[in-house]
PDB file of N, CA and C in Angstrom:
ATOM      1  N   MET A   1     -53.931   3.407 -66.779  1.00  0.00           N
ATOM      2  CA  MET A   1     -55.108   4.225 -67.063  1.00  0.00           C
ATOM      3  C   MET A   1     -56.210   4.486 -66.040  1.00  0.00           C
ATOM      4  N   SER A   2     -56.490   3.362 -65.592  1.00  0.00           N
ATOM      5  CA  SER A   2     -57.855   3.213 -64.442  1.00  0.00           C
ATOM      6  C   SER A   2     -57.266   3.937 -63.516  1.00  0.00           C
ATOM      7  N   ASN A   3     -56.057   4.067 -62.722  1.00  0.00           N
ATOM      8  CA  ASN A   3     -55.635   4.628 -61.457  1.00  0.00           C
ATOM      9  C   ASN A   3     -55.660   6.339 -62.022  1.00  0.00           C
ATOM     10  N   VAL A   4     -55.553   6.731 -63.254  1.00  0.00           N
ATOM     11  CA  VAL A   4     -55.631   8.265 -63.766  1.00  0.00           C
ATOM     12  C   VAL A   4     -57.185   8.405 -63.507  1.00  0.00           C
ATOM     13  N   LEU A   5     -58.077   7.650 -63.964  1.00  0.00           N
ATOM     14  CA  LEU A   5     -59.474   8.080 -63.925  1.00  0.00           C
ATOM     15  C   LEU A   5     -59.836   8.183 -62.668  1.00  0.00           C
ATOM     16  N   ILE A   6     -59.384   7.157 -61.625  1.00  0.00           N
ATOM     17  CA  ILE A   6     -59.916   7.023 -60.176  1.00  0.00           C
ATOM     18  C   ILE A   6     -59.496   8.301 -59.650  1.00  0.00           C
ATOM     19  N   ALA A   7     -58.031   8.819 -59.712  1.00  0.00           N
ATOM     20  CA  ALA A   7     -57.457   9.938 -59.098  1.00  0.00           C
ATOM     21  C   ALA A   7     -58.337  11.138 -59.715  1.00  0.00           C
ATOM     22  N   PHE A   8     -58.648  11.302 -61.471  1.00  0.00           N
ATOM     23  CA  PHE A   8     -59.283  12.435 -61.606  1.00  0.00           C
ATOM     24  C   PHE A   8     -60.610  12.651 -60.921  1.00  0.00           C
ATOM     25  N   PHE A   9     -61.455  11.409 -60.985  1.00  0.00           N
ATOM     26  CA  PHE A   9     -62.790  11.632 -60.258  1.00  0.00           C
ATOM     27  C   PHE A   9     -62.561  11.980 -58.593  1.00  0.00           C
ATOM     28  N   ASN A  10     -61.676  11.517 -57.963  1.00  0.00           N
ATOM     29  CA  ASN A  10     -61.632  11.476 -56.511  1.00  0.00           C
ATOM     30  C   ASN A  10     -61.269  13.208 -56.456  1.00  0.00           C
ATOM     31  N   ALA A  11     -60.492  13.515 -57.489  1.00  0.00           N
ATOM     32  CA  ALA A  11     -60.172  14.908 -57.319  1.00  0.00           C
ATOM     33  C   ALA A  11     -61.193  15.852 -57.778  1.00  0.00           C
ATOM     34  N   SER A  12     -61.997  15.601 -58.582  1.00  0.00           N
ATOM     35  CA  SER A  12     -63.041  16.337 -58.986  1.00  0.00           C
ATOM     36  C   SER A  12     -64.242  16.401 -57.658  1.00  0.00           C
ATOM     37  N   ALA A  13     -64.213  15.088 -57.234  1.00  0.00           N
ATOM     38  CA  ALA A  13     -65.014  15.194 -55.846  1.00  0.00           C
ATOM     39  C   ALA A  13     -64.640  15.995 -54.749  1.00  0.00           C
ATOM     40  N   THR A  14     -63.346  16.024 -54.720  1.00  0.00           N
ATOM     41  CA  THR A  14     -62.824  16.755 -53.526  1.00  0.00           C
ATOM     42  C   THR A  14     -63.095  18.115 -53.900  1.00  0.00           C
ATOM     43  N   PHE A  15     -62.867  18.592 -55.125  1.00  0.00           N
ATOM     44  CA  PHE A  15     -63.179  19.880 -55.464  1.00  0.00           C
ATOM     45  C   PHE A  15     -64.561  20.261 -55.575  1.00  0.00           C
ATOM     46  N   LEU A  16     -65.452  19.761 -55.678  1.00  0.00           N
ATOM     47  CA  LEU A  16     -66.736  20.031 -55.604  1.00  0.00           C
ATOM     48  C   LEU A  16     -67.338  20.077 -54.315  1.00  0.00           C
ATOM     49  N   SER A  17     -66.675  19.053 -53.244  1.00  0.00           N
ATOM     50  CA  SER A  17     -66.997  19.218 -51.886  1.00  0.00           C
ATOM     51  C   SER A  17     -66.391  20.520 -51.306  1.00  0.00           C
ATOM     52  N   MET A  18     -65.256  21.091 -51.668  1.00  0.00           N
ATOM     53  CA  MET A  18     -64.716  21.986 -51.260  1.00  0.00           C
ATOM     54  C   MET A  18     -65.563  23.349 -51.623  1.00  0.00           C
ATOM     55  N   VAL A  19     -66.038  23.512 -52.837  1.00  0.00           N
ATOM     56  CA  VAL A  19     -66.780  24.388 -53.210  1.00  0.00           C
ATOM     57  C   VAL A  19     -68.050  24.555 -52.490  1.00  0.00           C
ATOM     58  N   ALA A  20     -68.661  23.322 -52.332  1.00  0.00           N
ATOM     59  CA  ALA A  20     -69.918  23.430 -51.504  1.00  0.00           C
ATOM     60  C   ALA A  20     -69.663  23.609 -50.255  1.00  0.00           C
ATOM     61  N   GLY A  21     -68.595  23.365 -49.455  1.00  0.00           N
ATOM     62  CA  GLY A  21     -68.506  23.559 -48.125  1.00  0.00           C
ATOM     63  C   GLY A  21     -68.325  25.258 -48.163  1.00  0.00           C
ATOM     64  N   GLU A  22     -67.549  25.724 -49.006  1.00  0.00           N
ATOM     65  CA  GLU A  22     -67.485  27.394 -49.027  1.00  0.00           C
ATOM     66  C   GLU A  22     -68.675  28.016 -49.296  1.00  0.00           C
ATOM     67  N   SER A  23     -69.381  27.529 -50.090  1.00  0.00           N
ATOM     68  CA  SER A  23     -70.814  27.815 -50.044  1.00  0.00           C
ATOM     69  C   SER A  23     -71.789  27.932 -49.063  1.00  0.00           C
ATOM     70  N   ILE A  24     -71.567  27.050 -48.088  1.00  0.00           N
ATOM     71  CA  ILE A  24     -72.570  26.461 -46.980  1.00  0.00           C
ATOM     72  C   ILE A  24     -71.990  27.603 -45.938  1.00  0.00           C
ATOM     73  N   SER A  25     -70.575  27.850 -45.912  1.00  0.00           N
ATOM     74  CA  SER A  25     -69.955  28.366 -44.977  1.00  0.00           C
ATOM     75  C   SER A  25     -70.496  29.912 -44.634  1.00  0.00           C
ATOM     76  N   ARG A  26     -70.957  30.367 -45.676  1.00  0.00           N
ATOM     77  CA  ARG A  26     -71.391  31.746 -45.584  1.00  0.00           C
ATOM     78  C   ARG A  26     -72.558  31.940 -45.144  1.00  0.00           C
ATOM     79  N   PHE A  27     -73.651  30.851 -44.864  1.00  0.00           N
ATOM     80  CA  PHE A  27     -74.664  30.895 -44.392  1.00  0.00           C
ATOM     81  C   PHE A  27     -75.055  30.428 -42.782  1.00  0.00           C
ATOM     82  N   LEU A  28     -73.893  29.292 -42.689  1.00  0.00           N
ATOM     83  CA  LEU A  28     -74.058  28.418 -41.572  1.00  0.00           C
ATOM     84  C   LEU A  28     -72.959  28.959 -40.651  1.00  0.00           C
ATOM     85  N   PRO A  29     -73.311  29.335 -39.229  1.00  0.00           N
ATOM     86  CA  PRO A  29     -72.003  29.631 -38.357  1.00  0.00           C
ATOM     87  C   PRO A  29     -71.098  28.402 -38.158  1.00  0.00           C
ATOM     88  N   THR A  30     -69.855  28.566 -37.985  1.00  0.00           N
ATOM     89  CA  THR A  30     -69.018  27.916 -37.788  1.00  0.00           C
ATOM     90  C   THR A  30     -69.112  26.689 -36.483  1.00  0.00           C
ATOM     91  N   THR A  31     -69.831  27.136 -35.416  1.00  0.00           N
ATOM     92  CA  THR A  31     -70.116  26.219 -34.300  1.00  0.00           C
ATOM     93  C   THR A  31     -71.073  25.124 -34.766  1.00  0.00           C
ATOM     94  N   ILE A  32     -72.054  25.456 -35.172  1.00  0.00           N
ATOM     95  CA  ILE A  32     -73.222  24.636 -36.062  1.00  0.00           C
ATOM     96  C   ILE A  32     -72.605  23.517 -36.903  1.00  0.00           C
ATOM     97  N   SER A  33     -71.925  24.241 -37.743  1.00  0.00           N
ATOM     98  CA  SER A  33     -71.174  23.207 -38.813  1.00  0.00           C
ATOM     99  C   SER A  33     -70.366  22.029 -37.975  1.00  0.00           C
ATOM    100  N   GLY A  34     -69.549  22.619 -37.131  1.00  0.00           N
ATOM    101  CA  GLY A  34     -68.671  21.855 -36.327  1.00  0.00           C
ATOM    102  C   GLY A  34     -69.539  20.611 -35.928  1.00  0.00           C
ATOM    103  N   TYR A  35     -70.630  21.165 -35.089  1.00  0.00           N
ATOM    104  CA  TYR A  35     -71.533  20.025 -34.273  1.00  0.00           C
ATOM    105  C   TYR A  35     -71.952  19.007 -35.406  1.00  0.00           C
ATOM    106  N   ALA A  36     -72.440  19.819 -36.331  1.00  0.00           N
ATOM    107  CA  ALA A  36     -73.102  18.708 -37.536  1.00  0.00           C
ATOM    108  C   ALA A  36     -72.229  17.620 -37.928  1.00  0.00           C
ATOM    109  N   GLY A  37     -71.010  18.400 -38.210  1.00  0.00           N
ATOM    110  CA  GLY A  37     -69.847  17.318 -38.812  1.00  0.00           C
ATOM    111  C   GLY A  37     -69.559  16.265 -37.778  1.00  0.00           C
ATOM    112  N   ASN A  38     -69.527  16.768 -36.392  1.00  0.00           N
ATOM    113  CA  ASN A  38     -69.088  15.676 -35.317  1.00  0.00           C
ATOM    114  C   ASN A  38     -70.263  14.515 -35.480  1.00  0.00           C
ATOM    115  N   CYS A  39     -71.481  15.155 -35.377  1.00  0.00           N
ATOM    116  CA  CYS A  39     -72.521  14.333 -35.390  1.00  0.00           C
ATOM    117  C   CYS A  39     -72.443  13.173 -36.578  1.00  0.00           C
ATOM    118  N   ILE A  40     -72.219  13.721 -38.030  1.00  0.00           N
ATOM    119  CA  ILE A  40     -72.166  12.877 -38.703  1.00  0.00           C
ATOM    120  C   ILE A  40     -71.040  11.799 -38.969  1.00  0.00           C
ATOM    121  N   ILE A  41     -69.959  12.190 -38.277  1.00  0.00           N
ATOM    122  CA  ILE A  41     -68.806  11.190 -38.290  1.00  0.00           C
ATOM    123  C   ILE A  41     -69.288  10.228 -37.051  1.00  0.00           C
ATOM    124  N   ILE A  42     -70.024  10.610 -35.917  1.00  0.00           N
ATOM    125  CA  ILE A  42     -70.100   9.857 -35.129  1.00  0.00           C
ATOM    126  C   ILE A  42     -71.364   8.693 -35.615  1.00  0.00           C
ATOM    127  N   LEU A  43     -72.338   9.052 -36.326  1.00  0.00           N
ATOM    128  CA  LEU A  43     -73.350   8.186 -36.829  1.00  0.00           C
ATOM    129  C   LEU A  43     -72.707   7.180 -37.834  1.00  0.00           C
ATOM    130  N   ILE A  44     -71.768   7.785 -38.581  1.00  0.00           N
ATOM    131  CA  ILE A  44     -71.062   6.793 -39.755  1.00  0.00           C
ATOM    132  C   ILE A  44     -70.423   5.809 -38.910  1.00  0.00           C
ATOM    133  N   GLY A  45     -69.439   5.958 -37.671  1.00  0.00           N
ATOM    134  CA  GLY A  45     -69.116   5.110 -37.021  1.00  0.00           C
ATOM    135  C   GLY A  45     -70.038   4.017 -36.370  1.00  0.00           C
ATOM    136  N   ILE A  46     -71.184   4.744 -35.766  1.00  0.00           N
ATOM    137  CA  ILE A  46     -72.065   3.756 -35.173  1.00  0.00           C
ATOM    138  C   ILE A  46     -72.784   2.667 -36.434  1.00  0.00           C
ATOM    139  N   TRP A  47     -73.132   3.369 -37.469  1.00  0.00           N
ATOM    140  CA  TRP A  47     -73.440   2.569 -38.648  1.00  0.00           C
ATOM    141  C   TRP A  47     -72.556   1.505 -39.079  1.00  0.00           C
ATOM    142  N   GLY A  48     -71.310   1.756 -39.127  1.00  0.00           N
ATOM    143  CA  GLY A  48     -69.961   0.487 -39.376  1.00  0.00           C
ATOM    144  C   GLY A  48     -70.058  -0.270 -38.506  1.00  0.00           C
ATOM    145  N   LEU A  49     -70.201   0.058 -36.924  1.00  0.00           N
ATOM    146  CA  LEU A  49     -69.977  -0.905 -36.093  1.00  0.00           C
ATOM    147  C   LEU A  49     -71.509  -1.847 -36.037  1.00  0.00           C
ATOM    148  N   MET A  50     -72.463  -1.384 -36.205  1.00  0.00           N
ATOM    149  CA  MET A  50     -73.739  -2.277 -36.401  1.00  0.00           C
ATOM    150  C   MET A  50     -73.655  -2.943 -37.419  1.00  0.00           C
ATOM    151  N   ASN A  51     -72.880  -2.636 -38.482  1.00  0.00           N
ATOM    152  CA  ASN A  51     -72.790  -3.377 -39.936  1.00  0.00           C
ATOM    153  C   ASN A  51     -71.793  -4.574 -39.595  1.00  0.00           C
ATOM    154  N   THR A  52     -70.716  -4.205 -39.019  1.00  0.00           N
ATOM    155  CA  THR A  52     -69.862  -5.161 -38.609  1.00  0.00           C
ATOM    156  C   THR A  52     -70.301  -6.425 -37.953  1.00  0.00           C
ATOM    157  N   PHE A  53     -70.845  -5.908 -36.828  1.00  0.00           N
ATOM    158  CA  PHE A  53     -71.467  -6.813 -35.780  1.00  0.00           C
ATOM    159  C   PHE A  53     -72.698  -7.619 -35.853  1.00  0.00           C
ATOM    160  N   GLY A  54     -73.360  -7.192 -36.966  1.00  0.00           N
ATOM    161  CA  GLY A  54     -74.629  -7.709 -37.307  1.00  0.00           C
ATOM    162  C   GLY A  54     -75.733  -7.320 -36.327  1.00  0.00           C
ATOM    163  N   PHE A  55     -75.664  -6.000 -35.705  1.00  0.00           N
ATOM    164  CA  PHE A  55     -77.031  -5.563 -34.769  1.00  0.00           C
ATOM    165  C   PHE A  55     -78.347  -5.633 -35.527  1.00  0.00           C
ATOM    166  N   TRP A  56     -78.271  -5.807 -36.760  1.00  0.00           N
ATOM    167  CA  TRP A  56     -79.600  -5.581 -37.595  1.00  0.00           C
ATOM    168  C   TRP A  56     -80.681  -6.547 -37.295  1.00  0.00           C
ATOM    169  N   GLY A  57     -80.502  -7.489 -36.641  1.00  0.00           N
ATOM    170  CA  GLY A  57     -81.604  -8.661 -36.193  1.00  0.00           C
ATOM    171  C   GLY A  57     -81.404  -9.911 -37.248  1.00  0.00           C
ATOM    172  N   SER A  58     -80.628  -9.765 -38.292  1.00  0.00           N
ATOM    173  CA  SER A  58     -80.663 -10.993 -39.129  1.00  0.00           C
ATOM    174  C   SER A  58     -79.268 -11.485 -39.848  1.00  0.00           C
ATOM    175  N   ASP A  59     -79.408 -12.494 -39.870  1.00  0.00           N
ATOM    176  CA  ASP A  59     -78.106 -13.232 -40.597  1.00  0.00           C
ATOM    177  C   ASP A  59     -78.261 -13.832 -42.081  1.00  0.00           C
ATOM    178  N   VAL A  60     -79.267 -13.073 -42.395  1.00  0.00           N
ATOM    179  CA  VAL A  60     -79.769 -13.441 -43.793  1.00  0.00           C
ATOM    180  C   VAL A  60     -79.765 -12.134 -44.609  1.00  0.00           C
ATOM    181  N   GLU A  61     -79.051 -12.263 -45.921  1.00  0.00           N
ATOM    182  CA  GLU A  61     -79.101 -11.097 -46.580  1.00  0.00           C
ATOM    183  C   GLU A  61     -79.615 -11.514 -48.117  1.00  0.00           C
ATOM    184  N   LYS A  62     -80.126 -10.515 -48.808  1.00  0.00           N
ATOM    185  CA  LYS A  62     -80.959 -11.009 -50.146  1.00  0.00           C
ATOM    186  C   LYS A  62     -79.841 -10.707 -51.185  1.00  0.00           C
ATOM    187  N   THR A  63     -80.027 -11.832 -52.097  1.00  0.00           N
ATOM    188  CA  THR A  63     -79.297 -11.567 -53.454  1.00  0.00           C
ATOM    189  C   THR A  63     -79.737 -10.757 -54.267  1.00  0.00           C
ATOM    190  N   PRO A  64     -78.803 -10.315 -55.355  1.00  0.00           N
ATOM    191  CA  PRO A  64     -79.642  -9.314 -56.266  1.00  0.00           C
ATOM    192  C   PRO A  64     -80.936 -10.128 -56.872  1.00  0.00           C
ATOM    193  N   SER A  65     -81.155 -11.155 -56.902  1.00  0.00           N
ATOM    194  CA  SER A  65     -82.490 -11.699 -57.519  1.00  0.00           C
ATOM    195  C   SER A  65     -83.799 -11.704 -56.470  1.00  0.00           C
ATOM    196  N   GLY A  66     -83.057 -11.495 -55.310  1.00  0.00           N
ATOM    197  CA  GLY A  66     -84.330 -11.201 -53.987  1.00  0.00           C
ATOM    198  C   GLY A  66     -84.464 -12.702 -53.290  1.00  0.00           C
ATOM    199  N   GLU A  67     -83.528 -13.565 -53.819  1.00  0.00           N
ATOM    200  CA  GLU A  67     -83.366 -14.859 -52.725  1.00  0.00           C
ATOM    201  C   GLU A  67     -82.619 -14.429 -51.428  1.00  0.00           C
ATOM    202  N   PRO A  68     -83.227 -15.063 -50.400  1.00  0.00           N
ATOM    203  CA  PRO A  68     -82.409 -15.074 -49.344  1.00  0.00           C
ATOM    204  C   PRO A  68     -80.970 -15.727 -49.254  1.00  0.00           C
ATOM    205  N   GLN A  69     -79.831 -15.335 -48.645  1.00  0.00           N
ATOM    206  CA  GLN A  69     -78.569 -15.669 -48.830  1.00  0.00           C
ATOM    207  C   GLN A  69     -77.963 -15.752 -47.456  1.00  0.00           C
ATOM    208  N   GLU A  70     -77.238 -16.699 -46.862  1.00  0.00           N
ATOM    209  CA  GLU A  70     -76.742 -16.882 -45.528  1.00  0.00           C
ATOM    210  C   GLU A  70     -75.733 -15.916 -45.567  1.00  0.00           C
ATOM    211  N   VAL A  71     -75.534 -15.154 -44.372  1.00  0.00           N
ATOM    212  CA  VAL A  71     -74.176 -14.226 -44.537  1.00  0.00           C
ATOM    213  C   VAL A  71     -72.936 -15.016 -43.937  1.00  0.00           C
ATOM    214  N   VAL A  72     -71.807 -14.920 -44.659  1.00  0.00           N
ATOM    215  CA  VAL A  72     -70.753 -15.863 -44.354  1.00  0.00           C
ATOM    216  C   VAL A  72     -70.158 -15.474 -42.759  1.00  0.00           C
ATOM    217  N   GLN A  73     -69.987 -16.506 -41.864  1.00  0.00           N
ATOM    218  CA  GLN A  73     -69.741 -16.463 -40.530  1.00  0.00           C
ATOM    219  C   GLN A  73     -68.102 -16.534 -40.396  1.00  0.00           C
ATOM    220  N   LEU A  74     -67.559 -15.695 -39.996  1.00  0.00           N
ATOM    221  CA  LEU A  74     -65.843 -15.763 -39.532  1.00  0.00           C
ATOM    222  C   LEU A  74     -65.630 -17.002 -38.850  1.00  0.00           C
ATOM    223  N   ASP A  75     -66.325 -17.493 -37.818  1.00  0.00           N
ATOM    224  CA  ASP A  75     -65.908 -18.513 -37.104  1.00  0.00           C
ATOM    225  C   ASP A  75     -66.303 -19.922 -38.155  1.00  0.00           C
ATOM    226  N   TYR A  76     -67.008 -19.911 -38.999  1.00  0.00           N
ATOM    227  CA  TYR A  76     -66.961 -20.907 -39.934  1.00  0.00           C
ATOM    228  C   TYR A  76     -65.934 -20.908 -40.616  1.00  0.00           C
ATOM    229  N   ILE A  77     -65.743 -20.101 -41.319  1.00  0.00           N
ATOM    230  CA  ILE A  77     -64.282 -19.838 -42.034  1.00  0.00           C
ATOM    231  C   ILE A  77     -63.119 -20.285 -41.347  1.00  0.00           C
ATOM    232  N   ALA A  78     -62.971 -19.894 -40.323  1.00  0.00           N
ATOM    233  CA  ALA A  78     -61.843 -20.271 -39.551  1.00  0.00           C
ATOM    234  C   ALA A  78     -61.781 -21.864 -39.465  1.00  0.00           C
ATOM    235  N   GLN A  79     -62.929 -22.347 -39.142  1.00  0.00           N
ATOM    236  CA  GLN A  79     -62.936 -24.031 -39.066  1.00  0.00           C
ATOM    237  C   GLN A  79     -62.682 -24.492 -40.295  1.00  0.00           C
ATOM    238  N   HIS A  80     -63.212 -23.887 -41.371  1.00  0.00           N
ATOM    239  CA  HIS A  80     -63.420 -24.588 -42.613  1.00  0.00           C
ATOM    240  C   HIS A  80     -62.823 -23.535 -43.726  1.00  0.00           C
ATOM    241  N   PRO A  81     -61.213 -23.538 -44.025  1.00  0.00           N
ATOM    242  CA  PRO A  81     -60.995 -22.466 -44.747  1.00  0.00           C
ATOM    243  C   PRO A  81     -60.981 -22.930 -46.050  1.00  0.00           C
ATOM    244  N   GLU A  82     -61.257 -24.188 -46.450  1.00  0.00           N
ATOM    245  CA  GLU A  82     -61.321 -24.547 -47.655  1.00  0.00           C
ATOM    246  C   GLU A  82     -62.646 -24.018 -48.728  1.00  0.00           C
ATOM    247  N   VAL A  83     -63.444 -23.496 -47.714  1.00  0.00           N
ATOM    248  CA  VAL A  83     -64.546 -22.791 -48.520  1.00  0.00           C
ATOM    249  C   VAL A  83     -64.051 -21.483 -49.301  1.00  0.00           C
ATOM    250  N   LEU A  84     -63.176 -20.899 -48.876  1.00  0.00           N
ATOM    251  CA  LEU A  84     -62.496 -19.724 -49.484  1.00  0.00           C
ATOM    252  C   LEU A  84     -61.581 -20.208 -50.769  1.00  0.00           C
ATOM    253  N   ASP A  85     -61.124 -21.144 -50.765  1.00  0.00           N
ATOM    254  CA  ASP A  85     -60.482 -21.724 -52.077  1.00  0.00           C
ATOM    255  C   ASP A  85     -61.096 -22.159 -53.220  1.00  0.00           C
ATOM    256  N   VAL A  86     -61.524 -21.227 -54.101  1.00  0.00           N
ATOM    257  CA  VAL A  86     -62.394 -21.385 -55.112  1.00  0.00           C
ATOM    258  C   VAL A  86     -61.838 -22.101 -56.227  1.00  0.00           C
ATOM    259  N   ASP A  87     -60.489 -22.277 -56.486  1.00  0.00           N
ATOM    260  CA  ASP A  87     -60.112 -22.738 -57.561  1.00  0.00           C
ATOM    261  C   ASP A  87     -59.394 -24.100 -57.258  1.00  0.00           C
ATOM    262  N   GLY A  88     -59.416 -24.620 -55.759  1.00  0.00           N
ATOM    263  CA  GLY A  88     -59.202 -26.124 -55.365  1.00  0.00           C
ATOM    264  C   GLY A  88     -57.646 -26.193 -55.513  1.00  0.00           C
ATOM    265  N   HIS A  89     -56.893 -25.125 -55.503  1.00  0.00           N
ATOM    266  CA  HIS A  89     -55.299 -25.265 -55.557  1.00  0.00           C
ATOM    267  C   HIS A  89     -54.683 -25.818 -54.014  1.00  0.00           C
ATOM    268  N   ARG A  90     -55.392 -25.549 -53.367  1.00  0.00           N
ATOM    269  CA  ARG A  90     -54.523 -26.210 -51.831  1.00  0.00           C
ATOM    270  C   ARG A  90     -55.204 -27.564 -51.792  1.00  0.00           C
ATOM    271  N   CYS A  91     -56.325 -27.975 -52.143  1.00  0.00           N
ATOM    272  CA  CYS A  91     -56.924 -29.342 -52.077  1.00  0.00           C
ATOM    273  C   CYS A  91     -55.928 -30.123 -52.981  1.00  0.00           C
ATOM    274  N   ARG A  92     -55.760 -29.666 -54.212  1.00  0.00           N
ATOM    275  CA  ARG A  92     -54.678 -30.472 -55.080  1.00  0.00           C
ATOM    276  C   ARG A  92     -53.578 -30.619 -54.553  1.00  0.00           C
ATOM    277  N   GLU A  93     -53.139 -29.629 -53.968  1.00  0.00           N
ATOM    278  CA  GLU A  93     -51.597 -29.883 -53.059  1.00  0.00           C
ATOM    279  C   GLU A  93     -51.625 -31.083 -52.292  1.00  0.00           C
ATOM    280  N   GLU A  94     -52.653 -31.119 -51.456  1.00  0.00           N
ATOM    281  CA  GLU A  94     -52.953 -32.080 -50.023  1.00  0.00           C
ATOM    282  C   GLU A  94     -52.993 -33.231 -50.985  1.00  0.00           C
ATOM    283  N   GLU A  95     -53.743 -33.484 -52.120  1.00  0.00           N
ATOM    284  CA  GLU A  95     -54.201 -34.849 -52.655  1.00  0.00           C
ATOM    285  C   GLU A  95     -52.510 -35.659 -53.419  1.00  0.00           C
ATOM    286  N   ARG A  96     -51.628 -34.501 -53.431  1.00  0.00           N
ATOM    287  CA  ARG A  96     -50.414 -34.981 -54.242  1.00  0.00           C
ATOM    288  C   ARG A  96     -49.668 -35.620 -52.930  1.00  0.00           C
ATOM    289  N   SER A  97     -49.699 -35.071 -51.798  1.00  0.00           N
ATOM    290  CA  SER A  97     -48.851 -35.492 -50.760  1.00  0.00           C
ATOM    291  C   SER A  97     -49.177 -36.989 -50.139  1.00  0.00           C
TER     292      SER A  97
END
C-alpha cells in the first residue's frame, strides 16, 4: 500500500511540474529557460559535492535538540566496522569461536 501512495504522490508532483512548466513556457523564451535549467542542475551538483566532501568548514552537525554531534568519518568506520553493528550480532559470533 505504501508503494501505491508513493507512486501516487510522485505522479501528482510530476503532473503539477508539467502544468507549471507549460504555464511558464508561455512567458519565458526557450533559450532563457534552457540556461536557467542548466544553471540549476550545475548548482545542485556543486551543492551535492560540497556536502559530500564537507567543504562547509565544520565536522560538527547539530542534533534535533541543538546539541553538537560529530559527523561520522568514513575512514574511522573502515578501521572500526563494529561501530555500525548495532545489535552486536558479529561480536557474538566472534565470542563463540
